[in-house]
Structure formats: structure tokens, C-alpha cells
C-alpha atoms as a PDB file:
ATOM      1  CA  UNK A   1     102.533 103.916 100.033  1.00  0.00           C
ATOM      2  CA  UNK A   2      99.682 102.939 102.118  1.00  0.00           C
ATOM      3  CA  UNK A   3      98.118 106.365 101.357  1.00  0.00           C
ATOM      4  CA  UNK A   4      98.630 105.680  97.613  1.00  0.00           C
ATOM      5  CA  UNK A   5      97.330 102.530  97.641  1.00  0.00           C
ATOM      6  CA  UNK A   6      94.295 103.828  99.610  1.00  0.00           C
ATOM      7  CA  UNK A   7      94.459 106.720  96.626  1.00  0.00           C
ATOM      8  CA  UNK A   8      95.141 104.054  93.943  1.00  0.00           C
ATOM      9  CA  UNK A   9      92.529 101.759  95.084  1.00  0.00           C
ATOM     10  CA  UNK A  10      89.712 104.666  95.622  1.00  0.00           C
ATOM     11  CA  UNK A  11      86.377 104.107  93.463  1.00  0.00           C
ATOM     12  CA  UNK A  12      85.728 106.932  91.075  1.00  0.00           C
ATOM     13  CA  UNK A  13      82.545 109.560  91.892  1.00  0.00           C
ATOM     14  CA  UNK A  14      81.474 110.093  95.337  1.00  0.00           C
ATOM     15  CA  UNK A  15      82.568 107.476  96.818  1.00  0.00           C
ATOM     16  CA  UNK A  16      85.691 108.635  96.580  1.00  0.00           C
ATOM     17  CA  UNK A  17      85.381 110.485  99.508  1.00  0.00           C
ATOM     18  CA  UNK A  18      84.301 107.899 101.550  1.00  0.00           C
ATOM     19  CA  UNK A  19      86.347 105.331 100.799  1.00  0.00           C
ATOM     20  CA  UNK A  20      89.351 107.279 101.909  1.00  0.00           C
ATOM     21  CA  UNK A  21      87.499 108.774 105.520  1.00  0.00           C
ATOM     22  CA  UNK A  22      86.530 105.644 106.384  1.00  0.00           C
ATOM     23  CA  UNK A  23      90.030 103.293 105.369  1.00  0.00           C
ATOM     24  CA  UNK A  24      92.103 106.390 107.755  1.00  0.00           C
ATOM     25  CA  UNK A  25      91.802 104.210 110.787  1.00  0.00           C
ATOM     26  CA  UNK A  26      92.439 100.753 110.298  1.00  0.00           C
ATOM     27  CA  UNK A  27      94.977 101.866 107.651  1.00  0.00           C
ATOM     28  CA  UNK A  28      96.964 103.943 110.119  1.00  0.00           C
ATOM     29  CA  UNK A  29      96.418 100.566 112.401  1.00  0.00           C
ATOM     30  CA  UNK A  30      98.188  98.313 109.797  1.00  0.00           C
ATOM     31  CA  UNK A  31     100.928 100.386 108.952  1.00  0.00           C
ATOM     32  CA  UNK A  32     101.640 100.401 112.481  1.00  0.00           C
ATOM     33  CA  UNK A  33     101.716  97.294 112.865  1.00  0.00           C
ATOM     34  CA  UNK A  34     104.026  96.385 110.268  1.00  0.00           C
ATOM     35  CA  UNK A  35     106.213  99.495 111.257  1.00  0.00           C
ATOM     36  CA  UNK A  36     106.493  97.516 114.851  1.00  0.00           C
ATOM     37  CA  UNK A  37     107.062  94.212 113.307  1.00  0.00           C
ATOM     38  CA  UNK A  38     109.970  95.211 110.745  1.00  0.00           C
ATOM     39  CA  UNK A  39     111.258  98.360 112.112  1.00  0.00           C
ATOM     40  CA  UNK A  40     114.502  96.281 113.620  1.00  0.00           C
ATOM     41  CA  UNK A  41     115.612  94.256 111.317  1.00  0.00           C
ATOM     42  CA  UNK A  42     116.203  96.500 108.485  1.00  0.00           C
ATOM     43  CA  UNK A  43     113.328  96.149 106.403  1.00  0.00           C
ATOM     44  CA  UNK A  44     112.673  98.765 103.705  1.00  0.00           C
ATOM     45  CA  UNK A  45     109.342  99.096 102.411  1.00  0.00           C
ATOM     46  CA  UNK A  46     110.055  98.089  99.094  1.00  0.00           C
ATOM     47  CA  UNK A  47     110.432  94.333 100.866  1.00  0.00           C
ATOM     48  CA  UNK A  48     107.267  94.392 102.490  1.00  0.00           C
ATOM     49  CA  UNK A  49     105.407  95.848  99.046  1.00  0.00           C
ATOM     50  CA  UNK A  50     103.345  93.000  98.251  1.00  0.00           C
ATOM     51  CA  UNK A  51     102.243  93.313 101.969  1.00  0.00           C
ATOM     52  CA  UNK A  52     100.656  96.866 101.856  1.00  0.00           C
ATOM     53  CA  UNK A  53      99.499  95.979  98.602  1.00  0.00           C
ATOM     54  CA  UNK A  54      97.601  92.691 100.001  1.00  0.00           C
ATOM     55  CA  UNK A  55      96.573  94.616 103.626  1.00  0.00           C
ATOM     56  CA  UNK A  56      95.198  97.594 101.010  1.00  0.00           C
ATOM     57  CA  UNK A  57      93.032  95.648  99.091  1.00  0.00           C
ATOM     58  CA  UNK A  58      91.496  93.758 101.468  1.00  0.00           C
ATOM     59  CA  UNK A  59      90.668  96.922 102.917  1.00  0.00           C
ATOM     60  CA  UNK A  60      89.187  97.508 100.125  1.00  0.00           C
ATOM     61  CA  UNK A  61      87.174  94.183  99.643  1.00  0.00           C
ATOM     62  CA  UNK A  62      85.119  95.026 103.030  1.00  0.00           C
ATOM     63  CA  UNK A  63      84.279  98.486 102.285  1.00  0.00           C
ATOM     64  CA  UNK A  64      82.767  97.292  99.093  1.00  0.00           C
ATOM     65  CA  UNK A  65      81.058  94.755 101.589  1.00  0.00           C
ATOM     66  CA  UNK A  66      80.260  96.555 104.705  1.00  0.00           C
ATOM     67  CA  UNK A  67      82.514  94.701 106.513  1.00  0.00           C
ATOM     68  CA  UNK A  68      85.090  97.938 107.103  1.00  0.00           C
ATOM     69  CA  UNK A  69      81.756  99.265 109.154  1.00  0.00           C
ATOM     70  CA  UNK A  70      82.735  96.293 111.458  1.00  0.00           C
ATOM     71  CA  UNK A  71      85.914  97.688 112.352  1.00  0.00           C
ATOM     72  CA  UNK A  72      84.145 100.933 114.143  1.00  0.00           C
ATOM     73  CA  UNK A  73      82.439 101.197 117.207  1.00  0.00           C
ATOM     74  CA  UNK A  74      78.784  99.874 116.275  1.00  0.00           C
ATOM     75  CA  UNK A  75      75.396 100.841 118.418  1.00  0.00           C
ATOM     76  CA  UNK A  76      74.385  98.628 121.122  1.00  0.00           C
ATOM     77  CA  UNK A  77      71.385  96.467 120.692  1.00  0.00           C
ATOM     78  CA  UNK A  78      67.483  98.039 121.421  1.00  0.00           C
ATOM     79  CA  UNK A  79      67.198  94.285 122.890  1.00  0.00           C
ATOM     80  CA  UNK A  80      70.673  94.985 124.867  1.00  0.00           C
ATOM     81  CA  UNK A  81      69.939  98.368 126.340  1.00  0.00           C
ATOM     82  CA  UNK A  82      66.632  97.105 127.477  1.00  0.00           C
ATOM     83  CA  UNK A  83      68.003  94.445 129.686  1.00  0.00           C
ATOM     84  CA  UNK A  84      70.464  96.206 130.658  1.00  0.00           C
ATOM     85  CA  UNK A  85      67.659  98.941 132.227  1.00  0.00           C
ATOM     86  CA  UNK A  86      65.446  96.005 133.478  1.00  0.00           C
ATOM     87  CA  UNK A  87      68.150  94.754 135.204  1.00  0.00           C
ATOM     88  CA  UNK A  88      69.486  98.038 136.825  1.00  0.00           C
ATOM     89  CA  UNK A  89      65.890  98.438 137.887  1.00  0.00           C
ATOM     90  CA  UNK A  90      65.150  95.189 139.682  1.00  0.00           C
ATOM     91  CA  UNK A  91      69.022  94.996 141.278  1.00  0.00           C
ATOM     92  CA  UNK A  92      67.995  99.282 142.610  1.00  0.00           C
ATOM     93  CA  UNK A  93      64.549  97.575 143.884  1.00  0.00           C
ATOM     94  CA  UNK A  94      65.719  94.753 145.785  1.00  0.00           C
ATOM     95  CA  UNK A  95      68.157  97.089 147.734  1.00  0.00           C
ATOM     96  CA  UNK A  96      65.514  99.635 148.846  1.00  0.00           C
ATOM     97  CA  UNK A  97      63.452  96.534 149.649  1.00  0.00           C
ATOM     98  CA  UNK A  98      66.797  94.755 151.631  1.00  0.00           C
ATOM     99  CA  UNK A  99      67.647  98.349 153.211  1.00  0.00           C
ATOM    100  CA  UNK A 100      63.611  98.703 154.159  1.00  0.00           C
ATOM    101  CA  UNK A 101      63.922  95.571 156.120  1.00  0.00           C
ATOM    102  CA  UNK A 102      66.644  96.307 157.929  1.00  0.00           C
ATOM    103  CA  UNK A 103      65.980  99.701 159.063  1.00  0.00           C
ATOM    104  CA  UNK A 104      63.298  98.196 161.187  1.00  0.00           C
ATOM    105  CA  UNK A 105      65.986  96.641 162.888  1.00  0.00           C
ATOM    106  CA  UNK A 106      68.375  98.898 163.225  1.00  0.00           C
ATOM    107  CA  UNK A 107      68.406 102.287 161.185  1.00  0.00           C
ATOM    108  CA  UNK A 108      72.441 103.479 161.704  1.00  0.00           C
ATOM    109  CA  UNK A 109      73.505  99.619 160.952  1.00  0.00           C
ATOM    110  CA  UNK A 110      71.157  99.506 158.078  1.00  0.00           C
ATOM    111  CA  UNK A 111      72.222 102.659 156.229  1.00  0.00           C
ATOM    112  CA  UNK A 112      75.803 101.779 157.069  1.00  0.00           C
ATOM    113  CA  UNK A 113      75.275  99.406 155.132  1.00  0.00           C
ATOM    114  CA  UNK A 114      73.447 100.138 152.187  1.00  0.00           C
ATOM    115  CA  UNK A 115      76.127 103.005 151.631  1.00  0.00           C
ATOM    116  CA  UNK A 116      78.566 100.048 151.676  1.00  0.00           C
ATOM    117  CA  UNK A 117      76.622  98.267 149.462  1.00  0.00           C
ATOM    118  CA  UNK A 118      76.901 100.954 146.798  1.00  0.00           C
ATOM    119  CA  UNK A 119      79.821 102.055 146.589  1.00  0.00           C
ATOM    120  CA  UNK A 120      81.318  98.448 146.341  1.00  0.00           C
ATOM    121  CA  UNK A 121      78.625  96.928 144.544  1.00  0.00           C
ATOM    122  CA  UNK A 122      79.007  99.745 141.918  1.00  0.00           C
ATOM    123  CA  UNK A 123      83.074  99.827 141.863  1.00  0.00           C
ATOM    124  CA  UNK A 124      82.752  96.238 141.357  1.00  0.00           C
ATOM    125  CA  UNK A 125      79.748  95.892 138.651  1.00  0.00           C
ATOM    126  CA  UNK A 126      81.942  98.936 137.096  1.00  0.00           C
ATOM    127  CA  UNK A 127      85.130  96.897 136.842  1.00  0.00           C
ATOM    128  CA  UNK A 128      83.547  94.001 136.110  1.00  0.00           C
ATOM    129  CA  UNK A 129      82.080  95.578 133.056  1.00  0.00           C
ATOM    130  CA  UNK A 130      85.489  96.690 132.242  1.00  0.00           C
ATOM    131  CA  UNK A 131      87.184  93.441 132.414  1.00  0.00           C
ATOM    132  CA  UNK A 132      84.225  91.194 130.690  1.00  0.00           C
ATOM    133  CA  UNK A 133      84.577  93.742 127.605  1.00  0.00           C
ATOM    134  CA  UNK A 134      88.943  93.848 127.727  1.00  0.00           C
ATOM    135  CA  UNK A 135      88.767  90.449 127.593  1.00  0.00           C
ATOM    136  CA  UNK A 136      86.648  90.264 124.781  1.00  0.00           C
ATOM    137  CA  UNK A 137      88.332  93.127 123.167  1.00  0.00           C
ATOM    138  CA  UNK A 138      91.156  91.086 123.314  1.00  0.00           C
ATOM    139  CA  UNK A 139      89.675  87.436 122.062  1.00  0.00           C
ATOM    140  CA  UNK A 140      88.381  89.289 119.062  1.00  0.00           C
ATOM    141  CA  UNK A 141      91.743  90.871 118.317  1.00  0.00           C
ATOM    142  CA  UNK A 142      93.699  88.016 118.749  1.00  0.00           C
ATOM    143  CA  UNK A 143      91.261  85.970 116.490  1.00  0.00           C
ATOM    144  CA  UNK A 144      91.140  88.656 113.334  1.00  0.00           C
ATOM    145  CA  UNK A 145      95.257  89.092 113.696  1.00  0.00           C
ATOM    146  CA  UNK A 146      95.583  85.490 113.362  1.00  0.00           C
ATOM    147  CA  UNK A 147      93.109  85.360 110.290  1.00  0.00           C
ATOM    148  CA  UNK A 148      95.369  87.935 109.065  1.00  0.00           C
ATOM    149  CA  UNK A 149      98.652  85.876 109.637  1.00  0.00           C
ATOM    150  CA  UNK A 150      97.077  83.239 107.568  1.00  0.00           C
ATOM    151  CA  UNK A 151      96.094  85.694 105.166  1.00  0.00           C
ATOM    152  CA  UNK A 152      99.554  87.098 104.527  1.00  0.00           C
ATOM    153  CA  UNK A 153     100.889  83.238 104.794  1.00  0.00           C
ATOM    154  CA  UNK A 154      99.212  82.534 101.339  1.00  0.00           C
ATOM    155  CA  UNK A 155      99.556  85.877  99.645  1.00  0.00           C
ATOM    156  CA  UNK A 156     103.233  84.983 100.500  1.00  0.00           C
ATOM    157  CA  UNK A 157     103.028  81.442  99.276  1.00  0.00           C
ATOM    158  CA  UNK A 158     101.643  83.199  96.665  1.00  0.00           C
ATOM    159  CA  UNK A 159     103.788  85.375  95.217  1.00  0.00           C
ATOM    160  CA  UNK A 160     106.588  82.577  95.795  1.00  0.00           C
ATOM    161  CA  UNK A 161     104.783  80.432  93.214  1.00  0.00           C
ATOM    162  CA  UNK A 162     104.601  83.692  90.651  1.00  0.00           C
ATOM    163  CA  UNK A 163     108.277  84.909  91.234  1.00  0.00           C
ATOM    164  CA  UNK A 164     109.853  81.187  90.754  1.00  0.00           C
ATOM    165  CA  UNK A 165     110.604  81.400  87.368  1.00  0.00           C
ATOM    166  CA  UNK A 166     111.829  84.778  87.675  1.00  0.00           C
ATOM    167  CA  UNK A 167     115.696  85.174  86.373  1.00  0.00           C
ATOM    168  CA  UNK A 168     117.759  86.138  88.721  1.00  0.00           C
ATOM    169  CA  UNK A 169     120.761  88.677  88.636  1.00  0.00           C
ATOM    170  CA  UNK A 170     123.617  86.798  87.110  1.00  0.00           C
ATOM    171  CA  UNK A 171     120.647  85.862  83.954  1.00  0.00           C
ATOM    172  CA  UNK A 172     119.837  88.837  83.409  1.00  0.00           C
ATOM    173  CA  UNK A 173     122.956  90.393  82.898  1.00  0.00           C
ATOM    174  CA  UNK A 174     123.863  87.613  80.367  1.00  0.00           C
ATOM    175  CA  UNK A 175     120.094  88.776  78.578  1.00  0.00           C
ATOM    176  CA  UNK A 176     121.407  92.150  78.225  1.00  0.00           C
ATOM    177  CA  UNK A 177     124.458  91.087  77.279  1.00  0.00           C
ATOM    178  CA  UNK A 178     122.944  89.079  74.485  1.00  0.00           C
ATOM    179  CA  UNK A 179     120.504  91.718  73.816  1.00  0.00           C
ATOM    180  CA  UNK A 180     123.093  94.408  73.519  1.00  0.00           C
ATOM    181  CA  UNK A 181     125.535  92.577  70.518  1.00  0.00           C
ATOM    182  CA  UNK A 182     121.947  91.340  68.999  1.00  0.00           C
ATOM    183  CA  UNK A 183     121.498  95.633  68.372  1.00  0.00           C
ATOM    184  CA  UNK A 184     125.499  95.971  67.491  1.00  0.00           C
ATOM    185  CA  UNK A 185     124.596  92.769  64.835  1.00  0.00           C
ATOM    186  CA  UNK A 186     121.534  94.770  63.654  1.00  0.00           C
ATOM    187  CA  UNK A 187     123.693  97.990  63.926  1.00  0.00           C
ATOM    188  CA  UNK A 188     125.853  97.038  61.217  1.00  0.00           C
ATOM    189  CA  UNK A 189     123.244  95.666  59.153  1.00  0.00           C
ATOM    190  CA  UNK A 190     121.634  99.002  58.783  1.00  0.00           C
ATOM    191  CA  UNK A 191     124.582 100.312  57.828  1.00  0.00           C
ATOM    192  CA  UNK A 192     125.691  97.688  55.681  1.00  0.00           C
ATOM    193  CA  UNK A 193     128.765  97.281  57.577  1.00  0.00           C
ATOM    194  CA  UNK A 194     131.617  94.338  58.039  1.00  0.00           C
ATOM    195  CA  UNK A 195     133.334  93.490  61.432  1.00  0.00           C
ATOM    196  CA  UNK A 196     136.551  94.226  59.165  1.00  0.00           C
ATOM    197  CA  UNK A 197     135.110  97.367  58.646  1.00  0.00           C
ATOM    198  CA  UNK A 198     135.407  99.327  62.660  1.00  0.00           C
ATOM    199  CA  UNK A 199     137.703  99.078  64.437  1.00  0.00           C
ATOM    200  CA  UNK A 200     136.279  99.324  68.032  1.00  0.00           C
ATOM    201  CA  UNK A 201     132.378  99.377  69.066  1.00  0.00           C
ATOM    202  CA  UNK A 202     130.995 100.605  72.647  1.00  0.00           C
ATOM    203  CA  UNK A 203     127.230 100.758  73.941  1.00  0.00           C
ATOM    204  CA  UNK A 204     125.662 102.055  76.427  1.00  0.00           C
ATOM    205  CA  UNK A 205     122.692 101.390  78.417  1.00  0.00           C
ATOM    206  CA  UNK A 206     119.815 103.552  80.459  1.00  0.00           C
ATOM    207  CA  UNK A 207     116.705 103.913  81.491  1.00  0.00           C
ATOM    208  CA  UNK A 208     114.256 104.468  79.356  1.00  0.00           C
ATOM    209  CA  UNK A 209     110.981 105.979  80.029  1.00  0.00           C
ATOM    210  CA  UNK A 210     107.493 104.103  82.112  1.00  0.00           C
ATOM    211  CA  UNK A 211     110.134 101.230  83.146  1.00  0.00           C
ATOM    212  CA  UNK A 212     110.367  99.878  86.490  1.00  0.00           C
ATOM    213  CA  UNK A 213     113.359  99.110  88.028  1.00  0.00           C
ATOM    214  CA  UNK A 214     114.746  96.424  91.069  1.00  0.00           C
ATOM    215  CA  UNK A 215     118.429  95.545  91.899  1.00  0.00           C
ATOM    216  CA  UNK A 216     119.441  92.394  94.045  1.00  0.00           C
ATOM    217  CA  UNK A 217     122.017  93.240  97.183  1.00  0.00           C
ATOM    218  CA  UNK A 218     125.306  95.068  96.123  1.00  0.00           C
ATOM    219  CA  UNK A 219     124.002  94.570  92.357  1.00  0.00           C
ATOM    220  CA  UNK A 220     123.407  97.111  89.791  1.00  0.00           C
ATOM    221  CA  UNK A 221     119.731  98.441  88.898  1.00  0.00           C
ATOM    222  CA  UNK A 222     118.317  96.093  86.246  1.00  0.00           C
ATOM    223  CA  UNK A 223     115.034  97.400  83.932  1.00  0.00           C
ATOM    224  CA  UNK A 224     112.342  96.490  82.552  1.00  0.00           C
ATOM    225  CA  UNK A 225     112.650  99.080  79.753  1.00  0.00           C
ATOM    226  CA  UNK A 226     116.112 100.585  78.565  1.00  0.00           C
ATOM    227  CA  UNK A 227     117.171 103.396  75.859  1.00  0.00           C
ATOM    228  CA  UNK A 228     120.479 101.848  74.300  1.00  0.00           C
ATOM    229  CA  UNK A 229     123.008 103.771  73.181  1.00  0.00           C
ATOM    230  CA  UNK A 230     125.560 102.107  69.847  1.00  0.00           C
ATOM    231  CA  UNK A 231     128.441 103.463  68.541  1.00  0.00           C
ATOM    232  CA  UNK A 232     130.300 102.127  65.571  1.00  0.00           C
ATOM    233  CA  UNK A 233     133.677 103.698  64.850  1.00  0.00           C
ATOM    234  CA  UNK A 234     134.456 103.618  61.148  1.00  0.00           C
ATOM    235  CA  UNK A 235     136.897 104.455  59.097  1.00  0.00           C
ATOM    236  CA  UNK A 236     134.226 107.358  57.616  1.00  0.00           C
ATOM    237  CA  UNK A 237     133.597 108.456  61.008  1.00  0.00           C
ATOM    238  CA  UNK A 238     131.027 107.447  64.099  1.00  0.00           C
ATOM    239  CA  UNK A 239     127.745 105.617  62.861  1.00  0.00           C
ATOM    240  CA  UNK A 240     125.300 105.567  66.023  1.00  0.00           C
ATOM    241  CA  UNK A 241     122.583 104.219  66.579  1.00  0.00           C
ATOM    242  CA  UNK A 242     120.338 104.880  69.188  1.00  0.00           C
ATOM    243  CA  UNK A 243     117.174 102.661  70.369  1.00  0.00           C
ATOM    244  CA  UNK A 244     114.571 101.692  73.004  1.00  0.00           C
ATOM    245  CA  UNK A 245     114.648  97.736  74.150  1.00  0.00           C
ATOM    246  CA  UNK A 246     111.848  96.277  75.565  1.00  0.00           C
ATOM    247  CA  UNK A 247     113.678  93.932  77.950  1.00  0.00           C
ATOM    248  CA  UNK A 248     110.563  91.886  79.169  1.00  0.00           C
ATOM    249  CA  UNK A 249     109.005  91.896  75.616  1.00  0.00           C
ATOM    250  CA  UNK A 250     112.557  91.368  73.635  1.00  0.00           C
ATOM    251  CA  UNK A 251     112.125  94.322  71.418  1.00  0.00           C
ATOM    252  CA  UNK A 252     113.940  96.800  70.195  1.00  0.00           C
ATOM    253  CA  UNK A 253     112.054  99.939  68.661  1.00  0.00           C
ATOM    254  CA  UNK A 254     112.147 103.885  67.804  1.00  0.00           C
ATOM    255  CA  UNK A 255     115.892 103.677  65.861  1.00  0.00           C
ATOM    256  CA  UNK A 256     117.331 106.753  65.586  1.00  0.00           C
ATOM    257  CA  UNK A 257     120.600 106.715  63.162  1.00  0.00           C
ATOM    258  CA  UNK A 258     122.863 109.792  64.159  1.00  0.00           C
ATOM    259  CA  UNK A 259     126.615 109.792  61.285  1.00  0.00           C
ATOM    260  CA  UNK A 260     129.379 112.282  62.173  1.00  0.00           C
ATOM    261  CA  UNK A 261     132.994 111.933  61.686  1.00  0.00           C
ATOM    262  CA  UNK A 262     135.847 112.197  64.132  1.00  0.00           C
ATOM    263  CA  UNK A 263     136.825 115.541  63.988  1.00  0.00           C
ATOM    264  CA  UNK A 264     132.832 117.339  64.408  1.00  0.00           C
ATOM    265  CA  UNK A 265     133.814 115.498  67.868  1.00  0.00           C
ATOM    266  CA  UNK A 266     133.764 118.209  70.500  1.00  0.00           C
ATOM    267  CA  UNK A 267     133.988 117.423  73.787  1.00  0.00           C
ATOM    268  CA  UNK A 268     132.530 114.532  75.719  1.00  0.00           C
ATOM    269  CA  UNK A 269     131.304 115.165  79.367  1.00  0.00           C
ATOM    270  CA  UNK A 270     129.798 112.908  82.178  1.00  0.00           C
ATOM    271  CA  UNK A 271     128.808 115.162  85.578  1.00  0.00           C
ATOM    272  CA  UNK A 272     125.942 114.274  88.144  1.00  0.00           C
ATOM    273  CA  UNK A 273     122.649 115.171  87.851  1.00  0.00           C
ATOM    274  CA  UNK A 274     120.401 113.871  90.072  1.00  0.00           C
ATOM    275  CA  UNK A 275     121.796 111.613  93.580  1.00  0.00           C
ATOM    276  CA  UNK A 276     121.543 108.009  91.573  1.00  0.00           C
ATOM    277  CA  UNK A 277     122.098 110.068  88.035  1.00  0.00           C
ATOM    278  CA  UNK A 278     124.305 111.204  85.905  1.00  0.00           C
ATOM    279  CA  UNK A 279     124.366 112.759  82.578  1.00  0.00           C
ATOM    280  CA  UNK A 280     126.556 111.953  79.478  1.00  0.00           C
ATOM    281  CA  UNK A 281     127.188 114.400  77.179  1.00  0.00           C
ATOM    282  CA  UNK A 282     128.959 114.208  73.889  1.00  0.00           C
ATOM    283  CA  UNK A 283     128.756 117.377  71.908  1.00  0.00           C
ATOM    284  CA  UNK A 284     129.688 118.276  68.464  1.00  0.00           C
ATOM    285  CA  UNK A 285     131.479 121.046  66.320  1.00  0.00           C
ATOM    286  CA  UNK A 286     127.814 122.316  64.927  1.00  0.00           C
ATOM    287  CA  UNK A 287     126.124 123.127  68.586  1.00  0.00           C
ATOM    288  CA  UNK A 288     124.548 119.623  69.186  1.00  0.00           C
ATOM    289  CA  UNK A 289     124.552 117.807  71.635  1.00  0.00           C
ATOM    290  CA  UNK A 290     123.758 114.036  72.384  1.00  0.00           C
ATOM    291  CA  UNK A 291     122.705 113.772  75.953  1.00  0.00           C
ATOM    292  CA  UNK A 292     121.337 110.002  78.082  1.00  0.00           C
ATOM    293  CA  UNK A 293     121.181 110.000  81.791  1.00  0.00           C
ATOM    294  CA  UNK A 294     123.018 107.116  82.985  1.00  0.00           C
ATOM    295  CA  UNK A 295     122.061 105.947  86.465  1.00  0.00           C
ATOM    296  CA  UNK A 296     124.495 105.077  89.148  1.00  0.00           C
ATOM    297  CA  UNK A 297     124.427 102.741  91.396  1.00  0.00           C
ATOM    298  CA  UNK A 298     122.571 105.575  94.166  1.00  0.00           C
ATOM    299  CA  UNK A 299     122.771 105.304  97.911  1.00  0.00           C
ATOM    300  CA  UNK A 300     123.810 102.257  99.750  1.00  0.00           C
ATOM    301  CA  UNK A 301     121.849 100.169 102.487  1.00  0.00           C
ATOM    302  CA  UNK A 302     123.323 100.241 105.426  1.00  0.00           C
ATOM    303  CA  UNK A 303     125.257  96.209 104.444  1.00  0.00           C
ATOM    304  CA  UNK A 304     126.246  96.935 101.055  1.00  0.00           C
ATOM    305  CA  UNK A 305     129.539  98.208  99.464  1.00  0.00           C
ATOM    306  CA  UNK A 306     129.394 101.387  97.499  1.00  0.00           C
ATOM    307  CA  UNK A 307     132.271 100.836  95.849  1.00  0.00           C
ATOM    308  CA  UNK A 308     130.954  97.676  94.928  1.00  0.00           C
ATOM    309  CA  UNK A 309     127.834  99.137  93.895  1.00  0.00           C
ATOM    310  CA  UNK A 310     129.659 102.031  91.882  1.00  0.00           C
ATOM    311  CA  UNK A 311     131.250  99.896  90.063  1.00  0.00           C
ATOM    312  CA  UNK A 312     128.862  97.139  89.163  1.00  0.00           C
ATOM    313  CA  UNK A 313     127.170 100.545  87.788  1.00  0.00           C
ATOM    314  CA  UNK A 314     129.584 101.480  86.089  1.00  0.00           C
ATOM    315  CA  UNK A 315     130.249  97.907  83.661  1.00  0.00           C
ATOM    316  CA  UNK A 316     126.171  97.839  83.797  1.00  0.00           C
ATOM    317  CA  UNK A 317     126.000 100.768  81.850  1.00  0.00           C
ATOM    318  CA  UNK A 318     128.801  99.892  79.450  1.00  0.00           C
ATOM    319  CA  UNK A 319     130.232 103.836  80.479  1.00  0.00           C
ATOM    320  CA  UNK A 320     133.482 102.918  81.427  1.00  0.00           C
ATOM    321  CA  UNK A 321     134.055 101.654  77.979  1.00  0.00           C
ATOM    322  CA  UNK A 322     132.461 103.967  76.196  1.00  0.00           C
ATOM    323  CA  UNK A 323     134.341 106.820  77.880  1.00  0.00           C
ATOM    324  CA  UNK A 324     137.221 105.225  76.923  1.00  0.00           C
ATOM    325  CA  UNK A 325     137.037 105.369  73.346  1.00  0.00           C
ATOM    326  CA  UNK A 326     134.844 108.688  72.322  1.00  0.00           C
ATOM    327  CA  UNK A 327     137.583 110.753  74.842  1.00  0.00           C
ATOM    328  CA  UNK A 328     139.799 109.247  72.770  1.00  0.00           C
ATOM    329  CA  UNK A 329     138.049 110.025  69.957  1.00  0.00           C
ATOM    330  CA  UNK A 330     137.377 114.037  71.072  1.00  0.00           C
ATOM    331  CA  UNK A 331     140.927 114.263  71.659  1.00  0.00           C
ATOM    332  CA  UNK A 332     143.025 112.990  68.660  1.00  0.00           C
ATOM    333  CA  UNK A 333     140.019 113.922  66.275  1.00  0.00           C
ATOM    334  CA  UNK A 334     140.511 111.744  62.790  1.00  0.00           C
ATOM    335  CA  UNK A 335     143.823 110.750  63.668  1.00  0.00           C
ATOM    336  CA  UNK A 336     142.739 108.953  66.417  1.00  0.00           C
ATOM    337  CA  UNK A 337     141.760 106.405  63.509  1.00  0.00           C
ATOM    338  CA  UNK A 338     145.146 105.261  62.603  1.00  0.00           C
ATOM    339  CA  UNK A 339     146.599 105.529  66.015  1.00  0.00           C
ATOM    340  CA  UNK A 340     143.973 103.305  68.067  1.00  0.00           C
ATOM    341  CA  UNK A 341     144.770  99.874  68.977  1.00  0.00           C
ATOM    342  CA  UNK A 342     141.551  99.984  70.935  1.00  0.00           C
ATOM    343  CA  UNK A 343     140.052  96.386  70.688  1.00  0.00           C
ATOM    344  CA  UNK A 344     136.427  96.195  70.091  1.00  0.00           C
ATOM    345  CA  UNK A 345     134.276  96.419  73.393  1.00  0.00           C
END
């Protein structure tokens, strides 16, 4: 996910390679930080997608203002290097001057003292520099971490405000049911039929192309766009309408109408395709086939019940009712109309 956002936020042209190269180290550090925090909490990447997206946008903003370079090691300023070298020279001269004065009294003791001074002083100086540098590094990292946490908190509050008026799963389910009823009524109007002209009807929903999806715990998938099939069973045969439902915009478009007799239905089939999808196929006697991919519950998370997911997916897509109606048609053909006591679904 980090790599995907890095590629999505990359600038155009020659700067793209520089961005992808510069962002590698800080991106890995942020990824490890998020992984360390959430790894024991059964939190998936999708649950913190908002955070990953915000982190990468911040890196992109810093890169655009050259602040990202500050995350890398910068060269020591010239004045600091000059002062350090001058101090070192003065310290060495001072040691030599003191050693010369001590050598006049006792050469052996002076040499031993100078040796101990050089070893102990050099070790203490190196350790002192390392400790001071480590303390400054820790202070800088702690300040940067607190700054990041503050920015994350504000981003989290912003997302909460943005999502505060979003519908819950039950509300989206009711909206989809209302849309389904409207589409059935529009199908009746399109074929100039009355409710008394049909013995039963069924509808089935699947994910449309270029749609987003999400679901709550133990809930079915909800999509931003649906492909809806409406089957009206009349005395003359099956009237079918296929339409794309834009759920966010509440628009139905790309209407397709198909008609066939009961005797023209050869078989109805549902078989697994991918891990979280099944293919619904309606075969006609003339060799034509009506096919649609029905998304199933998919793999259950650790704290989810697969049976609840499976029942919810079948109910949400309408697959159970549609198969019940169309399997009777495929088995009995035209005689189904006279025998059926199927209530409108």
C-alpha cells in the first residue's frame, strides 16, 4: 500500500525517479512504525489506509519543500568543523606543554602519565561525543514523533467528521432494497405490464465495473456501483432487464432488455470462479448464455463467522431467490406457469 501511494503521488517527468529514490528510507521507517504498533491488534492494512495515505501525502509535501532532505544526514557546517579542529590542536599543544614541564622533574612518570592521559582522555572524549550525539538524536526523533502523532490525531478527527454522516450497513441495505423495487416497477413500465400480469419476479445484484467496495464486520459487501438483473415471469415467458445502478448518484443507466420463452431456458448454473466470487449462468436452447459474476462473502477475518457471511452474501445479492425461481423454470419449462405457486419475491 505504501508503494502504491508512492507511485500514485510521484511527480511527472524526470523528477519521478528522484522522488521514488528519496522516499524509500522514510517510507520504510513509517511502515515499520505502523506495523510495530498494530501487529498485535489484528488490524489490517485497510483499517489504517487513511493513515498510510496521509503519511505519504506528508512525505510528498515535504519533498516538494526540500524538507525531506532533512531526514537524511547533512554535512557538518564549515565553521563547526574549523572550531573542532582548532580545539583539537589547542588540546594537543596543551598536553605537550604540560608533558614538557613534567618531564623536567621525572621523565618516566611524565611519559606514563601522558600515555594514561591520552588513552583515558581520548576514550572519554569519543564516548562523550557519542552520548551527546545520541541524546540529541533521541530528542529530535521524540519531537518528530510527537509532531507526527499530533498531525495524525488531527487527520483522524478530520476523517471522523467526514464520515459522520455516512450511512451504516442497515441503512445501505434499505436503500438498495428501495432501488430494487423502483427498478422492478420501471421494468414493468418498460414492458407495459401490470402486477397482475406476472406470477413471480426475482432480482440479482452484482458488482459493476469501476466500483468501490467495503463491508462491516460479518456484513455483506456493499458497492458504489451495481449491475442489477430483474426477471419478470409472465404468461408469455421471461422478461429480463439488465441495468447498471450508480448507488452514490442514485442513477440507473445502460438498460438492456432480453425476452425468452420458458421452453427456451435450457439450464441454470452457479459455479465458483475465484476465491470470493461465483459465476451465475443462464443457458438458452439456442446456445446463448446470460452470465454475471456474483461476489460472495470471501474469506472471513479472525473474529467473523463464515456461515453468517455466506448467508448475508446470498441474501444481499438475491442469488437464493433467483436460483429458486429460475431452476423451477429450467426444470419444468412452460408447464411451470400453470403449476407455480411461487409468491412474488
